[in-house]
Amino acid sequence: MPKVVVQSVENGPNLVLIDGKANVALCRCGHSEHKPLCDGTHRKVNFRAAAASTTILE
């Protein structure tokens, strides 16, 4: 079974990592034009949030 981790990047998106490789970047700031995917808008709106990590499957 693959290892799945959701890693919140400081001031950035939520990365879904499967077996250590980034699979998708999900919007965390709420301003992306391509929700639920991150389009980098967090930089333009000066989004601030702490980094975090959650293991979903191990």
C-alpha atoms as a PDB file:
ATOM      1  CA  MET A   1       0.000   0.000   0.000  1.00  0.00           C
ATOM      2  CA  PRO A   2       1.414   3.444  -0.873  1.00  0.00           C
ATOM      3  CA  LYS A   3       2.305   5.978   1.813  1.00  0.00           C
ATOM      4  CA  VAL A   4       0.111   9.090   1.466  1.00  0.00           C
ATOM      5  CA  VAL A   5       0.968  12.332   3.269  1.00  0.00           C
ATOM      6  CA  VAL A   6      -0.640  15.773   3.050  1.00  0.00           C
ATOM      7  CA  GLN A   7       1.993  18.426   3.643  1.00  0.00           C
ATOM      8  CA  SER A   8       0.949  22.043   4.152  1.00  0.00           C
ATOM      9  CA  VAL A   9       3.721  24.281   2.850  1.00  0.00           C
ATOM     10  CA  GLU A  10       4.415  27.393   4.940  1.00  0.00           C
ATOM     11  CA  ASN A  11       2.534  30.265   3.260  1.00  0.00           C
ATOM     12  CA  GLY A  12       1.627  27.924   0.381  1.00  0.00           C
ATOM     13  CA  PRO A  13      -0.540  25.044  -0.817  1.00  0.00           C
ATOM     14  CA  ASN A  14      -1.311  21.585   0.534  1.00  0.00           C
ATOM     15  CA  LEU A  15       0.853  19.036  -1.277  1.00  0.00           C
ATOM     16  CA  VAL A  16      -0.425  15.476  -1.587  1.00  0.00           C
ATOM     17  CA  LEU A  17       2.619  13.206  -1.499  1.00  0.00           C
ATOM     18  CA  ILE A  18       2.383   9.587  -2.598  1.00  0.00           C
ATOM     19  CA  ASP A  19       5.434   7.544  -1.687  1.00  0.00           C
ATOM     20  CA  GLY A  20       7.366  10.798  -1.172  1.00  0.00           C
ATOM     21  CA  LYS A  21       6.562  12.330  -4.568  1.00  0.00           C
ATOM     22  CA  ALA A  22       4.295  15.371  -4.971  1.00  0.00           C
ATOM     23  CA  ASN A  23       1.169  14.264  -6.811  1.00  0.00           C
ATOM     24  CA  VAL A  24      -0.947  17.436  -6.628  1.00  0.00           C
ATOM     25  CA  ALA A  25      -0.895  20.900  -5.024  1.00  0.00           C
ATOM     26  CA  LEU A  26      -4.229  21.944  -3.514  1.00  0.00           C
ATOM     27  CA  CYS A  27      -5.230  25.569  -2.864  1.00  0.00           C
ATOM     28  CA  ARG A  28      -5.143  26.594   0.767  1.00  0.00           C
ATOM     29  CA  CYS A  29      -5.573  30.375   0.427  1.00  0.00           C
ATOM     30  CA  GLY A  30      -9.012  30.270  -1.202  1.00  0.00           C
ATOM     31  CA  HIS A  31      -8.077  32.619  -4.071  1.00  0.00           C
ATOM     32  CA  SER A  32      -7.035  30.174  -6.824  1.00  0.00           C
ATOM     33  CA  GLU A  33      -8.824  30.553 -10.150  1.00  0.00           C
ATOM     34  CA  HIS A  34      -8.486  26.776 -10.622  1.00  0.00           C
ATOM     35  CA  LYS A  35      -9.845  25.428  -7.304  1.00  0.00           C
ATOM     36  CA  PRO A  36      -9.195  22.955  -5.845  1.00  0.00           C
ATOM     37  CA  LEU A  37      -5.775  23.172  -7.533  1.00  0.00           C
ATOM     38  CA  CYS A  38      -3.168  25.761  -6.559  1.00  0.00           C
ATOM     39  CA  ASP A  39      -2.303  28.297  -9.260  1.00  0.00           C
ATOM     40  CA  GLY A  40       0.210  30.329  -7.208  1.00  0.00           C
ATOM     41  CA  THR A  41      -2.218  33.107  -6.263  1.00  0.00           C
ATOM     42  CA  HIS A  42      -1.200  32.726  -2.595  1.00  0.00           C
ATOM     43  CA  ARG A  43       1.934  34.754  -3.447  1.00  0.00           C
ATOM     44  CA  LYS A  44      -0.099  37.637  -4.909  1.00  0.00           C
ATOM     45  CA  VAL A  45      -2.506  37.824  -1.939  1.00  0.00           C
ATOM     46  CA  ASN A  46       0.293  37.504   0.667  1.00  0.00           C
ATOM     47  CA  PHE A  47      -1.231  34.348   2.181  1.00  0.00           C
ATOM     48  CA  ARG A  48       0.290  33.401   5.559  1.00  0.00           C
ATOM     49  CA  ALA A  49      -0.094  30.049   7.322  1.00  0.00           C
ATOM     50  CA  ALA A  50       2.141  27.668   9.224  1.00  0.00           C
ATOM     51  CA  ALA A  51       3.568  24.467   7.789  1.00  0.00           C
ATOM     52  CA  ALA A  52       2.072  21.132   8.872  1.00  0.00           C
ATOM     53  CA  SER A  53       2.050  17.492   7.848  1.00  0.00           C
ATOM     54  CA  THR A  54      -0.532  14.705   8.201  1.00  0.00           C
ATOM     55  CA  THR A  55      -0.028  11.058   7.274  1.00  0.00           C
ATOM     56  CA  ILE A  56      -3.171   9.596   5.676  1.00  0.00           C
ATOM     57  CA  LEU A  57      -1.945   6.077   4.810  1.00  0.00           C
ATOM     58  CA  GLU A  58       1.205   4.422   5.957  1.00  0.00           C
END
